[in-house]
Amino acid sequence: MKMIIIPLICAVLAGCATGRDQLYYDTTKSISRDNTVAQTACWNSVTEVAKTGDSATRALAIALADRCKTAPVTPEPPRRNWLGF
């Protein structure tokens, strides 16, 4: 009987721990991908503006380039209890 209960408890505890962790990793990956796409679009638009011949427009493109540098959003990792689950 003990041989059945111990693996069952281990399986339940392992199953509970992986759901939150997987959600965290999926969210982090999605945010990273979205941030990369947004920065690429920003830099592409600044590059297109800078290609014009007007010097005032180029100065505006340089000012807009600072706005493309954004700090990435990082989700809070799942909290662990005192047992580590």
PDB file of N, CA and C in Angstrom:
ATOM      1  N   MET A   1       0.819  -1.192   0.000  1.00  0.00           N
ATOM      2  CA  MET A   1       0.000   0.000   0.000  1.00  0.00           C
ATOM      3  C   MET A   1       0.865   1.260   0.000  1.00  0.00           C
ATOM      4  N   LYS A   2       1.951   1.232   0.805  1.00  0.00           N
ATOM      5  CA  LYS A   2       2.843   2.390   0.845  1.00  0.00           C
ATOM      6  C   LYS A   2       3.506   2.612  -0.509  1.00  0.00           C
ATOM      7  N   MET A   3       3.772   1.562  -1.220  1.00  0.00           N
ATOM      8  CA  MET A   3       4.437   1.678  -2.510  1.00  0.00           C
ATOM      9  C   MET A   3       3.553   2.358  -3.546  1.00  0.00           C
ATOM     10  N   ILE A   4       2.261   2.339  -3.344  1.00  0.00           N
ATOM     11  CA  ILE A   4       1.338   2.999  -4.269  1.00  0.00           C
ATOM     12  C   ILE A   4       1.119   4.452  -3.867  1.00  0.00           C
ATOM     13  N   ILE A   5       1.050   4.715  -2.583  1.00  0.00           N
ATOM     14  CA  ILE A   5       0.740   6.060  -2.097  1.00  0.00           C
ATOM     15  C   ILE A   5       1.906   7.023  -2.340  1.00  0.00           C
ATOM     16  N   ILE A   6       3.131   6.579  -2.106  1.00  0.00           N
ATOM     17  CA  ILE A   6       4.289   7.466  -2.254  1.00  0.00           C
ATOM     18  C   ILE A   6       4.445   7.956  -3.702  1.00  0.00           C
ATOM     19  N   PRO A   7       4.416   7.107  -4.730  1.00  0.00           N
ATOM     20  CA  PRO A   7       4.490   7.634  -6.102  1.00  0.00           C
ATOM     21  C   PRO A   7       3.296   8.512  -6.470  1.00  0.00           C
ATOM     22  N   LEU A   8       2.126   8.190  -5.925  1.00  0.00           N
ATOM     23  CA  LEU A   8       0.944   9.003  -6.207  1.00  0.00           C
ATOM     24  C   LEU A   8       1.107  10.408  -5.644  1.00  0.00           C
ATOM     25  N   ILE A   9       1.614  10.517  -4.429  1.00  0.00           N
ATOM     26  CA  ILE A   9       1.837  11.835  -3.829  1.00  0.00           C
ATOM     27  C   ILE A   9       2.895  12.603  -4.614  1.00  0.00           C
ATOM     28  N   CYS A  10       3.953  11.936  -5.019  1.00  0.00           N
ATOM     29  CA  CYS A  10       4.998  12.585  -5.818  1.00  0.00           C
ATOM     30  C   CYS A  10       4.450  13.092  -7.153  1.00  0.00           C
ATOM     31  N   ALA A  11       3.618  12.306  -7.778  1.00  0.00           N
ATOM     32  CA  ALA A  11       3.038  12.714  -9.058  1.00  0.00           C
ATOM     33  C   ALA A  11       2.117  13.913  -8.892  1.00  0.00           C
ATOM     34  N   VAL A  12       1.343  13.940  -7.825  1.00  0.00           N
ATOM     35  CA  VAL A  12       0.434  15.068  -7.580  1.00  0.00           C
ATOM     36  C   VAL A  12       1.230  16.336  -7.310  1.00  0.00           C
ATOM     37  N   LEU A  13       2.252  16.249  -6.486  1.00  0.00           N
ATOM     38  CA  LEU A  13       3.052  17.427  -6.174  1.00  0.00           C
ATOM     39  C   LEU A  13       3.814  17.924  -7.393  1.00  0.00           C
ATOM     40  N   ALA A  14       4.322  17.047  -8.200  1.00  0.00           N
ATOM     41  CA  ALA A  14       5.033  17.458  -9.414  1.00  0.00           C
ATOM     42  C   ALA A  14       4.073  18.092 -10.409  1.00  0.00           C
ATOM     43  N   GLY A  15       2.873  17.579 -10.508  1.00  0.00           N
ATOM     44  CA  GLY A  15       1.882  18.149 -11.411  1.00  0.00           C
ATOM     45  C   GLY A  15       1.451  19.525 -10.986  1.00  0.00           C
ATOM     46  N   CYS A  16       1.359  19.776  -9.702  1.00  0.00           N
ATOM     47  CA  CYS A  16       0.963  21.093  -9.205  1.00  0.00           C
ATOM     48  C   CYS A  16       2.056  22.126  -9.438  1.00  0.00           C
ATOM     49  N   ALA A  17       3.294  21.712  -9.366  1.00  0.00           N
ATOM     50  CA  ALA A  17       4.398  22.654  -9.498  1.00  0.00           C
ATOM     51  C   ALA A  17       4.632  23.064 -10.950  1.00  0.00           C
ATOM     52  N   THR A  18       4.343  22.218 -11.896  1.00  0.00           N
ATOM     53  CA  THR A  18       4.690  22.528 -13.280  1.00  0.00           C
ATOM     54  C   THR A  18       3.707  23.470 -13.951  1.00  0.00           C
ATOM     55  N   GLY A  19       2.478  23.537 -13.520  1.00  0.00           N
ATOM     56  CA  GLY A  19       1.486  24.396 -14.172  1.00  0.00           C
ATOM     57  C   GLY A  19       1.824  25.869 -14.076  1.00  0.00           C
ATOM     58  N   ARG A  20       2.162  26.323 -12.876  1.00  0.00           N
ATOM     59  CA  ARG A  20       2.494  27.738 -12.698  1.00  0.00           C
ATOM     60  C   ARG A  20       3.801  28.082 -13.387  1.00  0.00           C
ATOM     61  N   ASP A  21       4.765  27.183 -13.282  1.00  0.00           N
ATOM     62  CA  ASP A  21       6.057  27.444 -13.902  1.00  0.00           C
ATOM     63  C   ASP A  21       5.931  27.530 -15.416  1.00  0.00           C
ATOM     64  N   GLN A  22       5.167  26.633 -16.006  1.00  0.00           N
ATOM     65  CA  GLN A  22       5.002  26.643 -17.455  1.00  0.00           C
ATOM     66  C   GLN A  22       4.289  27.914 -17.910  1.00  0.00           C
ATOM     67  N   LEU A  23       3.306  28.354 -17.152  1.00  0.00           N
ATOM     68  CA  LEU A  23       2.611  29.602 -17.482  1.00  0.00           C
ATOM     69  C   LEU A  23       3.576  30.782 -17.422  1.00  0.00           C
ATOM     70  N   TYR A  24       4.440  30.793 -16.415  1.00  0.00           N
ATOM     71  CA  TYR A  24       5.439  31.861 -16.287  1.00  0.00           C
ATOM     72  C   TYR A  24       6.386  31.864 -17.486  1.00  0.00           C
ATOM     73  N   TYR A  25       6.884  30.686 -17.867  1.00  0.00           N
ATOM     74  CA  TYR A  25       7.815  30.613 -18.987  1.00  0.00           C
ATOM     75  C   TYR A  25       7.140  30.998 -20.306  1.00  0.00           C
ATOM     76  N   ASP A  26       5.908  30.577 -20.503  1.00  0.00           N
ATOM     77  CA  ASP A  26       5.179  30.939 -21.721  1.00  0.00           C
ATOM     78  C   ASP A  26       4.926  32.445 -21.773  1.00  0.00           C
ATOM     79  N   THR A  27       4.575  33.032 -20.637  1.00  0.00           N
ATOM     80  CA  THR A  27       4.322  34.474 -20.581  1.00  0.00           C
ATOM     81  C   THR A  27       5.596  35.257 -20.851  1.00  0.00           C
ATOM     82  N   THR A  28       6.695  34.830 -20.260  1.00  0.00           N
ATOM     83  CA  THR A  28       7.972  35.503 -20.471  1.00  0.00           C
ATOM     84  C   THR A  28       8.388  35.435 -21.931  1.00  0.00           C
ATOM     85  N   LYS A  29       8.207  34.281 -22.544  1.00  0.00           N
ATOM     86  CA  LYS A  29       8.561  34.121 -23.957  1.00  0.00           C
ATOM     87  C   LYS A  29       7.680  35.009 -24.840  1.00  0.00           C
ATOM     88  N   SER A  30       6.404  35.077 -24.531  1.00  0.00           N
ATOM     89  CA  SER A  30       5.484  35.898 -25.315  1.00  0.00           C
ATOM     90  C   SER A  30       5.805  37.390 -25.178  1.00  0.00           C
ATOM     91  N   ILE A  31       6.099  37.826 -23.966  1.00  0.00           N
ATOM     92  CA  ILE A  31       6.439  39.239 -23.757  1.00  0.00           C
ATOM     93  C   ILE A  31       7.737  39.585 -24.472  1.00  0.00           C
ATOM     94  N   SER A  32       8.704  38.694 -24.426  1.00  0.00           N
ATOM     95  CA  SER A  32       9.971  38.932 -25.102  1.00  0.00           C
ATOM     96  C   SER A  32       9.771  39.048 -26.615  1.00  0.00           C
ATOM     97  N   ARG A  33       8.958  38.160 -27.161  1.00  0.00           N
ATOM     98  CA  ARG A  33       8.687  38.201 -28.602  1.00  0.00           C
ATOM     99  C   ARG A  33       7.964  39.494 -28.977  1.00  0.00           C
ATOM    100  N   ASP A  34       6.973  39.889 -28.192  1.00  0.00           N
ATOM    101  CA  ASP A  34       6.226  41.117 -28.477  1.00  0.00           C
ATOM    102  C   ASP A  34       7.108  42.351 -28.360  1.00  0.00           C
ATOM    103  N   ASN A  35       7.999  42.359 -27.377  1.00  0.00           N
ATOM    104  CA  ASN A  35       8.907  43.486 -27.208  1.00  0.00           C
ATOM    105  C   ASN A  35       9.859  43.586 -28.392  1.00  0.00           C
ATOM    106  N   THR A  36      10.334  42.450 -28.877  1.00  0.00           N
ATOM    107  CA  THR A  36      11.230  42.445 -30.028  1.00  0.00           C
ATOM    108  C   THR A  36      10.523  42.968 -31.281  1.00  0.00           C
ATOM    109  N   VAL A  37       9.294  42.552 -31.484  1.00  0.00           N
ATOM    110  CA  VAL A  37       8.533  43.021 -32.651  1.00  0.00           C
ATOM    111  C   VAL A  37       8.272  44.522 -32.556  1.00  0.00           C
ATOM    112  N   ALA A  38       7.944  45.008 -31.370  1.00  0.00           N
ATOM    113  CA  ALA A  38       7.671  46.440 -31.200  1.00  0.00           C
ATOM    114  C   ALA A  38       8.931  47.277 -31.431  1.00  0.00           C
ATOM    115  N   GLN A  39      10.066  46.808 -30.915  1.00  0.00           N
ATOM    116  CA  GLN A  39      11.305  47.554 -31.134  1.00  0.00           C
ATOM    117  C   GLN A  39      11.729  47.524 -32.595  1.00  0.00           C
ATOM    118  N   THR A  40      11.533  46.414 -33.261  1.00  0.00           N
ATOM    119  CA  THR A  40      11.870  46.327 -34.681  1.00  0.00           C
ATOM    120  C   THR A  40      11.008  47.283 -35.500  1.00  0.00           C
ATOM    121  N   ALA A  41       9.738  47.342 -35.200  1.00  0.00           N
ATOM    122  CA  ALA A  41       8.846  48.268 -35.910  1.00  0.00           C
ATOM    123  C   ALA A  41       9.240  49.718 -35.648  1.00  0.00           C
ATOM    124  N   CYS A  42       9.612  50.017 -34.430  1.00  0.00           N
ATOM    125  CA  CYS A  42      10.020  51.382 -34.097  1.00  0.00           C
ATOM    126  C   CYS A  42      11.285  51.769 -34.858  1.00  0.00           C
ATOM    127  N   TRP A  43      12.275  50.878 -34.836  1.00  0.00           N
ATOM    128  CA  TRP A  43      13.513  51.191 -35.543  1.00  0.00           C
ATOM    129  C   TRP A  43      13.305  51.279 -37.053  1.00  0.00           C
ATOM    130  N   ASN A  44      12.427  50.463 -37.599  1.00  0.00           N
ATOM    131  CA  ASN A  44      12.132  50.546 -39.037  1.00  0.00           C
ATOM    132  C   ASN A  44      11.490  51.879 -39.386  1.00  0.00           C
ATOM    133  N   SER A  45      10.586  52.351 -38.538  1.00  0.00           N
ATOM    134  CA  SER A  45       9.942  53.643 -38.824  1.00  0.00           C
ATOM    135  C   SER A  45      10.933  54.792 -38.691  1.00  0.00           C
ATOM    136  N   VAL A  46      11.819  54.730 -37.706  1.00  0.00           N
ATOM    137  CA  VAL A  46      12.829  55.777 -37.554  1.00  0.00           C
ATOM    138  C   VAL A  46      13.785  55.765 -38.751  1.00  0.00           C
ATOM    139  N   THR A  47      14.128  54.585 -39.221  1.00  0.00           N
ATOM    140  CA  THR A  47      15.010  54.477 -40.386  1.00  0.00           C
ATOM    141  C   THR A  47      14.359  55.081 -41.628  1.00  0.00           C
ATOM    142  N   GLU A  48      13.087  54.825 -41.809  1.00  0.00           N
ATOM    143  CA  GLU A  48      12.380  55.388 -42.967  1.00  0.00           C
ATOM    144  C   GLU A  48      12.302  56.910 -42.882  1.00  0.00           C
ATOM    145  N   VAL A  49      12.087  57.442 -41.688  1.00  0.00           N
ATOM    146  CA  VAL A  49      12.036  58.898 -41.529  1.00  0.00           C
ATOM    147  C   VAL A  49      13.413  59.496 -41.782  1.00  0.00           C
ATOM    148  N   ALA A  50      14.464  58.822 -41.335  1.00  0.00           N
ATOM    149  CA  ALA A  50      15.823  59.344 -41.496  1.00  0.00           C
ATOM    150  C   ALA A  50      16.303  59.303 -42.943  1.00  0.00           C
ATOM    151  N   LYS A  51      15.657  58.514 -43.789  1.00  0.00           N
ATOM    152  CA  LYS A  51      16.074  58.416 -45.191  1.00  0.00           C
ATOM    153  C   LYS A  51      15.708  59.658 -46.003  1.00  0.00           C
ATOM    154  N   THR A  52      14.830  60.490 -45.496  1.00  0.00           N
ATOM    155  CA  THR A  52      14.436  61.690 -46.246  1.00  0.00           C
ATOM    156  C   THR A  52      15.601  62.673 -46.294  1.00  0.00           C
ATOM    157  N   GLY A  53      15.567  63.595 -47.236  1.00  0.00           N
ATOM    158  CA  GLY A  53      16.663  64.532 -47.442  1.00  0.00           C
ATOM    159  C   GLY A  53      16.641  65.733 -46.527  1.00  0.00           C
ATOM    160  N   ASP A  54      15.545  65.994 -45.851  1.00  0.00           N
ATOM    161  CA  ASP A  54      15.410  67.185 -45.023  1.00  0.00           C
ATOM    162  C   ASP A  54      16.173  67.018 -43.712  1.00  0.00           C
ATOM    163  N   SER A  55      16.970  68.017 -43.338  1.00  0.00           N
ATOM    164  CA  SER A  55      17.766  67.912 -42.111  1.00  0.00           C
ATOM    165  C   SER A  55      16.902  68.009 -40.851  1.00  0.00           C
ATOM    166  N   ALA A  56      15.812  68.762 -40.918  1.00  0.00           N
ATOM    167  CA  ALA A  56      14.923  68.857 -39.754  1.00  0.00           C
ATOM    168  C   ALA A  56      14.246  67.516 -39.485  1.00  0.00           C
ATOM    169  N   THR A  57      13.902  66.810 -40.544  1.00  0.00           N
ATOM    170  CA  THR A  57      13.281  65.504 -40.390  1.00  0.00           C
ATOM    171  C   THR A  57      14.277  64.501 -39.821  1.00  0.00           C
ATOM    172  N   ARG A  58      15.521  64.595 -40.247  1.00  0.00           N
ATOM    173  CA  ARG A  58      16.556  63.712 -39.693  1.00  0.00           C
ATOM    174  C   ARG A  58      16.765  63.974 -38.202  1.00  0.00           C
ATOM    175  N   ALA A  59      16.732  65.241 -37.809  1.00  0.00           N
ATOM    176  CA  ALA A  59      16.879  65.572 -36.393  1.00  0.00           C
ATOM    177  C   ALA A  59      15.710  65.002 -35.589  1.00  0.00           C
ATOM    178  N   LEU A  60      14.530  65.038 -36.172  1.00  0.00           N
ATOM    179  CA  LEU A  60      13.360  64.461 -35.514  1.00  0.00           C
ATOM    180  C   LEU A  60      13.516  62.943 -35.388  1.00  0.00           C
ATOM    181  N   ALA A  61      14.081  62.304 -36.392  1.00  0.00           N
ATOM    182  CA  ALA A  61      14.293  60.856 -36.348  1.00  0.00           C
ATOM    183  C   ALA A  61      15.274  60.488 -35.247  1.00  0.00           C
ATOM    184  N   ILE A  62      16.293  61.309 -35.048  1.00  0.00           N
ATOM    185  CA  ILE A  62      17.253  61.046 -33.975  1.00  0.00           C
ATOM    186  C   ILE A  62      16.574  61.188 -32.612  1.00  0.00           C
ATOM    187  N   ALA A  63      15.701  62.184 -32.485  1.00  0.00           N
ATOM    188  CA  ALA A  63      14.972  62.358 -31.228  1.00  0.00           C
ATOM    189  C   ALA A  63      14.023  61.182 -30.984  1.00  0.00           C
ATOM    190  N   LEU A  64      13.422  60.670 -32.040  1.00  0.00           N
ATOM    191  CA  LEU A  64      12.508  59.532 -31.890  1.00  0.00           C
ATOM    192  C   LEU A  64      13.250  58.230 -31.602  1.00  0.00           C
ATOM    193  N   ALA A  65      14.521  58.166 -31.980  1.00  0.00           N
ATOM    194  CA  ALA A  65      15.293  56.946 -31.746  1.00  0.00           C
ATOM    195  C   ALA A  65      15.429  56.653 -30.254  1.00  0.00           C
ATOM    196  N   ASP A  66      15.442  57.690 -29.428  1.00  0.00           N
ATOM    197  CA  ASP A  66      15.522  57.469 -27.979  1.00  0.00           C
ATOM    198  C   ASP A  66      14.275  56.797 -27.441  1.00  0.00           C
ATOM    199  N   ARG A  67      13.157  57.018 -28.089  1.00  0.00           N
ATOM    200  CA  ARG A  67      11.908  56.398 -27.626  1.00  0.00           C
ATOM    201  C   ARG A  67      11.828  54.912 -27.978  1.00  0.00           C
ATOM    202  N   CYS A  68      12.664  54.472 -28.900  1.00  0.00           N
ATOM    203  CA  CYS A  68      12.669  53.045 -29.258  1.00  0.00           C
ATOM    204  C   CYS A  68      13.349  52.197 -28.196  1.00  0.00           C
ATOM    205  N   LYS A  69      14.147  52.820 -27.368  1.00  0.00           N
ATOM    206  CA  LYS A  69      14.857  52.096 -26.318  1.00  0.00           C
ATOM    207  C   LYS A  69      13.943  51.996 -25.091  1.00  0.00           C
ATOM    208  N   THR A  70      13.292  50.874 -24.950  1.00  0.00           N
ATOM    209  CA  THR A  70      12.389  50.683 -23.821  1.00  0.00           C
ATOM    210  C   THR A  70      12.900  49.564 -22.932  1.00  0.00           C
ATOM    211  N   ALA A  71      12.611  49.683 -21.667  1.00  0.00           N
ATOM    212  CA  ALA A  71      12.984  48.620 -20.733  1.00  0.00           C
ATOM    213  C   ALA A  71      11.994  47.473 -20.893  1.00  0.00           C
ATOM    214  N   PRO A  72      12.485  46.247 -20.966  1.00  0.00           N
ATOM    215  CA  PRO A  72      11.568  45.118 -21.142  1.00  0.00           C
ATOM    216  C   PRO A  72      10.712  44.892 -19.893  1.00  0.00           C
ATOM    217  N   VAL A  73       9.507  44.456 -20.125  1.00  0.00           N
ATOM    218  CA  VAL A  73       8.595  44.129 -19.037  1.00  0.00           C
ATOM    219  C   VAL A  73       8.877  42.696 -18.612  1.00  0.00           C
ATOM    220  N   THR A  74       9.080  42.487 -17.329  1.00  0.00           N
ATOM    221  CA  THR A  74       9.337  41.133 -16.839  1.00  0.00           C
ATOM    222  C   THR A  74       8.254  40.745 -15.845  1.00  0.00           C
ATOM    223  N   PRO A  75       7.584  39.646 -16.089  1.00  0.00           N
ATOM    224  CA  PRO A  75       6.559  39.202 -15.143  1.00  0.00           C
ATOM    225  C   PRO A  75       7.188  38.679 -13.861  1.00  0.00           C
ATOM    226  N   GLU A  76       6.424  38.738 -12.804  1.00  0.00           N
ATOM    227  CA  GLU A  76       6.911  38.244 -11.526  1.00  0.00           C
ATOM    228  C   GLU A  76       6.915  36.724 -11.539  1.00  0.00           C
ATOM    229  N   PRO A  77       8.034  36.117 -11.141  1.00  0.00           N
ATOM    230  CA  PRO A  77       8.074  34.647 -11.144  1.00  0.00           C
ATOM    231  C   PRO A  77       7.108  34.065 -10.121  1.00  0.00           C
ATOM    232  N   PRO A  78       6.684  32.825 -10.320  1.00  0.00           N
ATOM    233  CA  PRO A  78       5.749  32.220  -9.377  1.00  0.00           C
ATOM    234  C   PRO A  78       6.370  32.112  -7.989  1.00  0.00           C
ATOM    235  N   ARG A  79       5.540  32.354  -7.006  1.00  0.00           N
ATOM    236  CA  ARG A  79       6.021  32.288  -5.631  1.00  0.00           C
ATOM    237  C   ARG A  79       6.092  30.846  -5.163  1.00  0.00           C
ATOM    238  N   ARG A  80       7.053  30.593  -4.347  1.00  0.00           N
ATOM    239  CA  ARG A  80       7.250  29.258  -3.795  1.00  0.00           C
ATOM    240  C   ARG A  80       6.901  29.281  -2.315  1.00  0.00           C
ATOM    241  N   ASN A  81       6.367  28.188  -1.835  1.00  0.00           N
ATOM    242  CA  ASN A  81       6.128  28.100  -0.388  1.00  0.00           C
ATOM    243  C   ASN A  81       7.385  27.583   0.299  1.00  0.00           C
ATOM    244  N   TRP A  82       7.331  27.368   1.564  1.00  0.00           N
ATOM    245  CA  TRP A  82       8.508  26.976   2.315  1.00  0.00           C
ATOM    246  C   TRP A  82       9.007  25.579   1.957  1.00  0.00           C
ATOM    247  N   LEU A  83       8.182  24.773   1.307  1.00  0.00           N
ATOM    248  CA  LEU A  83       8.628  23.457   0.850  1.00  0.00           C
ATOM    249  C   LEU A  83       9.291  23.495  -0.515  1.00  0.00           C
ATOM    250  N   GLY A  84       9.187  24.639  -1.204  1.00  0.00           N
ATOM    251  CA  GLY A  84       9.776  24.768  -2.524  1.00  0.00           C
ATOM    252  C   GLY A  84       8.826  24.450  -3.654  1.00  0.00           C
ATOM    253  N   PHE A  85       7.552  24.317  -3.375  1.00  0.00           N
ATOM    254  CA  PHE A  85       6.555  24.006  -4.412  1.00  0.00           C
ATOM    255  C   PHE A  85       5.846  25.247  -4.854  1.00  0.00           C
TER     256      PHE A  85
END
